[in-house]
Amino acid sequence: MTADRILDRLDQLARDATLEAAERWHARAEALDWIDRVWPVLAHDAEAGAAARAQALRQRLELADAMLHRRLRAAVRANHGPAVFRRWQQEAGLIDGEGYDALDELLAGVLRLADPGPDSRPLEPEMVFYQPTPARHALDMLVRSGVGPRDVLVDLGSGLGHVPMLASLCTGARAIGVEWQPSHADAARRAARRLKLERVEFLVQDARDADLSRGTVFFLYTPFLGTVLRDVLDALRREGMRRPIRVCTFGPCTRIVGDEAWLHTDGPTTADRVAVFRCVGQGSG
């Protein structure tokens, strides 16, 4: 894009007062991303004030986001989360692909997760470095697995707690995060307390030692592989022999879980979309 076209686009965005409307959070995210991408051109443009105008626009959009985030946090604390956030699933956009998008920015603004700091303990062999589940995939999982207020969702390898908190505030379900890193679990607990998410808890545990007896839905974003995954799948199989459970996976572990004879899914599975498995013999309802 030429410098002239960038300046024209900047003027167009600056004149668009509707960008500050609460419901235009997605358009604001796109505009802020565009400013970041063209900033080198704006910063060195010969036209005086181009960078200043872009910075003023950035501040306007960030202020509108901050106001929306405060309003949404207040709604969550007042137990209106399910009604407010039900529409997120409709706005999630394309489901496939493992990248992040505007919905993740919105969720980050609501949860306000603190940096867990540098004190993470070393991972054991076969444990996978943490990265958060993209919000659209978490929402896709909640809808397709039918999570509701009577469910207990257990996130095995919950990291900073995005999925348990999203599950609770969107569906009213009880949610449990099982996390190896104390620093991550502590950050998640603080965020849940600020939002008054009383049906969410975070346990610092090795997933192999976790009590799975309360769970009805289990989620794994490939937190471990090899013998660790094998041990956890064996424990889940024992739970599935006692009662109906659902197992939801995302990423490379889906292929391994899909080979389990005691689980079935309604269609083909791919690594770039959450797979929902049910116990063999369990109905699809």
Protein backbone atom coordinates (compact mmCIF):
# COMPACT_ATOMS: atom_id res chain seq x y z
CA MET A 1 0.00 0.00 0.00
CA THR A 2 1.41 3.41 -0.99
CA ALA A 3 1.86 6.24 1.47
CA ASP A 4 -0.99 8.21 -0.13
CA ARG A 5 -3.39 5.28 0.21
CA ILE A 6 -2.32 4.77 3.82
CA LEU A 7 -3.05 8.44 4.60
CA ASP A 8 -6.43 8.22 2.85
CA ARG A 9 -7.29 5.13 4.90
CA LEU A 10 -6.19 6.87 8.09
CA ASP A 11 -8.47 9.84 7.32
CA GLN A 12 -11.35 7.48 6.58
CA LEU A 13 -10.95 5.67 9.91
CA ALA A 14 -10.56 8.93 11.83
CA ARG A 15 -13.88 10.21 10.43
CA ASP A 16 -15.76 7.01 11.28
CA ALA A 17 -17.44 7.83 14.61
CA THR A 18 -19.23 4.48 14.64
CA LEU A 19 -15.94 2.74 15.41
CA GLU A 20 -16.40 3.75 19.04
CA ALA A 21 -19.73 1.90 19.36
CA ALA A 22 -19.56 -1.06 21.75
CA GLU A 23 -20.75 -3.58 19.17
CA ARG A 24 -17.97 -2.64 16.72
CA TRP A 25 -15.20 -4.23 18.82
CA HIS A 26 -14.24 -6.45 15.88
CA ALA A 27 -13.81 -3.46 13.54
CA ARG A 28 -11.76 -1.67 16.19
CA ALA A 29 -9.45 -4.65 16.48
CA GLU A 30 -8.95 -4.64 12.71
CA ALA A 31 -8.24 -0.89 12.71
CA LEU A 32 -5.73 -1.17 15.57
CA ASP A 33 -4.00 -4.03 13.81
CA TRP A 34 -3.84 -1.95 10.61
CA ILE A 35 -2.26 0.99 12.49
CA ASP A 36 0.42 -1.33 13.89
CA ARG A 37 1.17 -2.70 10.43
CA VAL A 38 1.52 0.69 8.71
CA TRP A 39 3.13 2.51 11.62
CA PRO A 40 6.64 2.50 10.06
CA VAL A 41 5.25 4.38 7.05
CA LEU A 42 3.29 6.83 9.19
CA ALA A 43 6.23 7.49 11.50
CA HIS A 44 8.51 8.43 8.61
CA ASP A 45 6.00 10.16 6.33
CA ALA A 46 6.95 13.63 5.16
CA GLU A 47 3.46 14.95 5.92
CA ALA A 48 3.59 16.61 9.33
CA GLY A 49 1.24 15.13 11.88
CA ALA A 50 0.55 11.76 10.23
CA ALA A 51 1.93 9.79 13.15
CA ALA A 52 0.19 12.06 15.65
CA ARG A 53 -3.16 11.54 13.93
CA ALA A 54 -2.65 7.79 13.93
CA GLN A 55 -1.75 7.86 17.62
CA ALA A 56 -4.85 9.92 18.42
CA LEU A 57 -7.00 7.38 16.58
CA ARG A 58 -5.30 4.54 18.42
CA GLN A 59 -6.09 6.20 21.76
CA ARG A 60 -9.73 6.72 20.79
CA LEU A 61 -10.17 3.08 19.85
CA GLU A 62 -8.34 1.78 22.92
CA LEU A 63 -10.50 3.95 25.17
CA ALA A 64 -13.65 2.56 23.55
CA ASP A 65 -12.33 -0.98 24.13
CA ALA A 66 -11.50 -0.20 27.76
CA MET A 67 -15.05 1.07 28.35
CA LEU A 68 -16.51 -2.07 26.76
CA HIS A 69 -14.28 -4.33 28.83
CA ARG A 70 -15.34 -2.59 32.05
CA ARG A 71 -19.00 -3.00 31.12
CA LEU A 72 -18.56 -6.69 30.31
CA ARG A 73 -16.65 -7.34 33.54
CA ALA A 74 -19.48 -5.72 35.49
CA ALA A 75 -21.98 -7.96 33.70
CA VAL A 76 -19.96 -11.06 34.58
CA ARG A 77 -19.71 -10.04 38.25
CA ALA A 78 -23.50 -9.53 38.27
CA ASN A 79 -24.02 -13.11 36.99
CA HIS A 80 -25.21 -11.94 33.57
CA GLY A 81 -22.32 -13.60 31.76
CA PRO A 82 -24.28 -16.32 29.91
CA ALA A 83 -26.74 -13.83 28.40
CA VAL A 84 -24.06 -11.28 27.50
CA PHE A 85 -21.58 -13.69 25.99
CA ARG A 86 -23.95 -16.02 24.15
CA ARG A 87 -23.55 -13.94 21.05
CA TRP A 88 -19.77 -14.41 21.02
CA GLN A 89 -20.19 -17.78 19.38
CA GLN A 90 -22.13 -16.15 16.55
CA GLU A 91 -19.34 -13.62 16.05
CA ALA A 92 -16.47 -16.09 16.27
CA GLY A 93 -15.88 -16.20 12.51
CA LEU A 94 -13.96 -19.02 10.87
CA ILE A 95 -13.35 -21.95 13.20
CA ASP A 96 -10.42 -23.73 11.55
CA GLY A 97 -6.81 -22.64 11.94
CA GLU A 98 -4.88 -22.26 15.18
CA GLY A 99 -4.22 -18.51 15.03
CA TYR A 100 -5.67 -15.83 17.32
CA ASP A 101 -8.07 -13.06 16.35
CA ALA A 102 -10.14 -10.16 17.66
CA LEU A 103 -12.16 -12.41 19.93
CA ASP A 104 -9.00 -13.27 21.85
CA GLU A 105 -8.30 -9.56 22.33
CA LEU A 106 -11.81 -9.06 23.67
CA LEU A 107 -11.49 -12.00 26.05
CA ALA A 108 -8.10 -10.77 27.26
CA GLY A 109 -9.62 -7.38 28.04
CA VAL A 110 -12.39 -8.97 30.08
CA LEU A 111 -10.30 -11.53 31.98
CA ARG A 112 -7.35 -9.15 32.60
CA LEU A 113 -4.96 -12.03 33.21
CA ALA A 114 -1.72 -11.01 34.87
CA ASP A 115 1.66 -12.13 33.58
CA PRO A 116 2.53 -15.23 35.63
CA GLY A 117 6.11 -14.00 35.88
CA PRO A 118 9.43 -15.77 35.41
CA ASP A 119 9.07 -18.30 38.23
CA SER A 120 7.66 -21.19 36.21
CA ARG A 121 9.09 -24.55 37.12
CA PRO A 122 10.68 -26.70 34.40
CA LEU A 123 8.37 -28.95 32.45
CA GLU A 124 8.77 -32.65 32.82
CA PRO A 125 9.59 -34.73 29.71
CA GLU A 126 6.55 -35.17 27.41
CA MET A 127 4.84 -32.04 28.79
CA VAL A 128 4.12 -29.40 26.13
CA PHE A 129 4.83 -25.67 26.44
CA TYR A 130 1.62 -23.76 27.24
CA GLN A 131 -0.25 -21.64 24.77
CA PRO A 132 -3.86 -20.49 25.26
CA THR A 133 -6.71 -22.07 23.33
CA PRO A 134 -8.00 -19.58 20.72
CA ALA A 135 -11.31 -18.22 22.02
CA ARG A 136 -13.30 -19.19 18.92
CA HIS A 137 -12.21 -22.82 19.36
CA ALA A 138 -13.15 -22.78 23.04
CA LEU A 139 -16.60 -21.45 22.14
CA ASP A 140 -16.93 -24.01 19.35
CA MET A 141 -16.11 -26.75 21.86
CA LEU A 142 -18.67 -25.51 24.39
CA VAL A 143 -21.44 -25.47 21.79
CA ARG A 144 -20.67 -28.78 20.08
CA SER A 145 -20.14 -30.70 23.32
CA GLY A 146 -23.34 -29.30 24.79
CA VAL A 147 -21.80 -27.94 28.00
CA GLY A 148 -24.52 -26.62 30.31
CA PRO A 149 -25.09 -25.52 33.90
CA ARG A 150 -25.24 -29.11 35.18
CA ASP A 151 -21.86 -30.03 33.70
CA VAL A 152 -18.43 -29.99 35.29
CA LEU A 153 -15.79 -29.16 32.71
CA VAL A 154 -12.25 -30.24 33.57
CA ASP A 155 -9.44 -28.60 31.58
CA LEU A 156 -6.37 -30.83 31.85
CA GLY A 157 -3.48 -28.42 31.39
CA SER A 158 -5.48 -25.24 31.94
CA GLY A 159 -2.59 -22.76 31.82
CA LEU A 160 -3.85 -19.27 32.65
CA GLY A 161 -7.44 -20.51 32.81
CA HIS A 162 -9.05 -19.12 29.66
CA VAL A 163 -11.17 -22.20 28.94
CA PRO A 164 -12.53 -22.85 32.47
CA MET A 165 -13.43 -19.19 32.95
CA LEU A 166 -14.99 -18.91 29.50
CA ALA A 167 -16.97 -22.12 30.10
CA SER A 168 -18.33 -20.85 33.40
CA LEU A 169 -19.23 -17.34 32.32
CA CYS A 170 -20.81 -18.47 29.02
CA THR A 171 -22.70 -21.58 30.17
CA GLY A 172 -22.95 -21.43 33.95
CA ALA A 173 -21.13 -24.77 34.20
CA ARG A 174 -18.80 -25.61 37.04
CA ALA A 175 -15.24 -25.65 35.72
CA ILE A 176 -11.99 -27.04 37.08
CA GLY A 177 -8.56 -26.22 35.73
CA VAL A 178 -5.77 -28.70 36.42
CA GLU A 179 -2.40 -27.03 35.89
CA TRP A 180 1.20 -28.08 36.48
CA GLN A 181 2.58 -24.54 36.88
CA PRO A 182 1.73 -22.88 40.23
CA SER A 183 2.38 -19.41 38.78
CA HIS A 184 -0.19 -19.96 36.02
CA ALA A 185 -2.81 -21.34 38.39
CA ASP A 186 -2.30 -18.41 40.78
CA ALA A 187 -2.83 -15.88 37.95
CA ALA A 188 -5.99 -17.72 36.91
CA ARG A 189 -7.34 -17.76 40.47
CA ARG A 190 -6.82 -14.01 40.84
CA ALA A 191 -8.67 -13.31 37.59
CA ALA A 192 -11.57 -15.61 38.58
CA ARG A 193 -11.87 -13.91 41.98
CA ARG A 194 -11.99 -10.44 40.40
CA LEU A 195 -14.83 -11.59 38.14
CA LYS A 196 -16.63 -13.38 41.00
CA LEU A 197 -16.61 -16.65 39.08
CA GLU A 198 -17.45 -18.78 42.08
CA ARG A 199 -18.01 -21.97 40.05
CA VAL A 200 -14.41 -22.02 38.78
CA GLU A 201 -11.44 -23.52 40.61
CA PHE A 202 -7.82 -24.14 39.70
CA LEU A 203 -5.76 -27.00 41.07
CA VAL A 204 -1.97 -27.24 40.93
CA GLN A 205 -1.53 -30.89 40.02
CA ASP A 206 -0.01 -33.34 37.63
CA ALA A 207 -2.93 -34.43 35.44
CA ARG A 208 -2.01 -38.04 36.17
CA ASP A 209 -2.79 -37.45 39.85
CA ALA A 210 -6.00 -35.46 39.37
CA ASP A 211 -9.35 -36.58 40.74
CA LEU A 212 -11.47 -36.95 37.60
CA SER A 213 -14.59 -38.22 39.35
CA ARG A 214 -16.43 -34.88 39.22
CA GLY A 215 -15.93 -34.21 35.54
CA THR A 216 -18.53 -34.70 32.82
CA VAL A 217 -16.60 -32.95 30.04
CA PHE A 218 -12.80 -33.08 29.73
CA PHE A 219 -10.71 -30.78 27.54
CA LEU A 220 -7.12 -31.23 26.38
CA TYR A 221 -5.26 -28.76 24.16
CA THR A 222 -2.36 -31.20 23.70
CA PRO A 223 -0.82 -30.40 27.11
CA PHE A 224 1.32 -33.55 27.05
CA LEU A 225 2.16 -36.51 24.84
CA GLY A 226 3.73 -39.95 25.13
CA THR A 227 3.34 -41.92 28.32
CA VAL A 228 1.81 -38.96 30.17
CA LEU A 229 -1.03 -38.78 27.65
CA ARG A 230 -1.35 -42.57 27.77
CA ASP A 231 -1.75 -42.54 31.55
CA VAL A 232 -4.35 -39.77 31.42
CA LEU A 233 -6.33 -41.51 28.68
CA ASP A 234 -6.35 -44.71 30.73
CA ALA A 235 -7.71 -42.76 33.69
CA LEU A 236 -10.39 -41.19 31.49
CA ARG A 237 -11.32 -44.60 30.12
CA ARG A 238 -11.93 -45.84 33.66
CA GLU A 239 -14.21 -42.85 34.26
CA GLY A 240 -16.00 -43.55 30.98
CA MET A 241 -16.71 -47.13 32.03
CA ARG A 242 -18.58 -45.84 35.10
CA ARG A 243 -20.65 -43.06 33.49
CA PRO A 244 -21.09 -41.08 30.28
CA ILE A 245 -18.39 -38.49 29.71
CA ARG A 246 -17.26 -36.33 26.79
CA VAL A 247 -13.62 -35.81 25.86
CA CYS A 248 -12.74 -32.76 23.77
CA THR A 249 -9.32 -32.33 22.20
CA PHE A 250 -7.47 -29.76 20.14
CA GLY A 251 -4.16 -30.04 18.33
CA PRO A 252 -1.87 -33.02 17.71
CA CYS A 253 -3.26 -35.15 20.53
CA THR A 254 -6.56 -35.46 18.62
CA ARG A 255 -5.10 -38.11 16.34
CA ILE A 256 -3.99 -40.21 19.30
CA VAL A 257 -7.27 -39.84 21.17
CA GLY A 258 -9.15 -40.71 18.00
CA ASP A 259 -7.54 -44.17 18.06
CA GLU A 260 -9.12 -44.99 21.43
CA ALA A 261 -11.59 -47.86 20.95
CA TRP A 262 -13.77 -46.69 23.83
CA LEU A 263 -14.42 -43.30 22.23
CA HIS A 264 -16.27 -42.28 19.10
CA THR A 265 -17.02 -39.04 17.30
CA ASP A 266 -19.76 -38.16 14.84
CA GLY A 267 -17.47 -37.23 11.96
CA PRO A 268 -13.88 -36.88 10.77
CA THR A 269 -11.44 -35.07 13.04
CA THR A 270 -8.67 -32.61 12.20
CA ALA A 271 -5.88 -31.11 14.28
CA ASP A 272 -7.05 -27.53 13.57
CA ARG A 273 -10.55 -27.86 15.04
CA VAL A 274 -11.73 -29.14 18.40
CA ALA A 275 -12.84 -32.78 18.27
CA VAL A 276 -15.67 -33.95 20.53
CA PHE A 277 -15.57 -37.59 21.57
CA ARG A 278 -18.16 -39.58 23.51
CA CYS A 279 -18.00 -42.96 25.16
CA VAL A 280 -18.91 -45.83 22.84
CA GLY A 281 -22.60 -46.51 23.37
CA GLN A 282 -23.29 -43.00 24.64
CA GLY A 283 -26.00 -41.19 22.68
CA SER A 284 -25.37 -37.99 20.80
CA GLY A 285 -27.87 -36.01 22.83
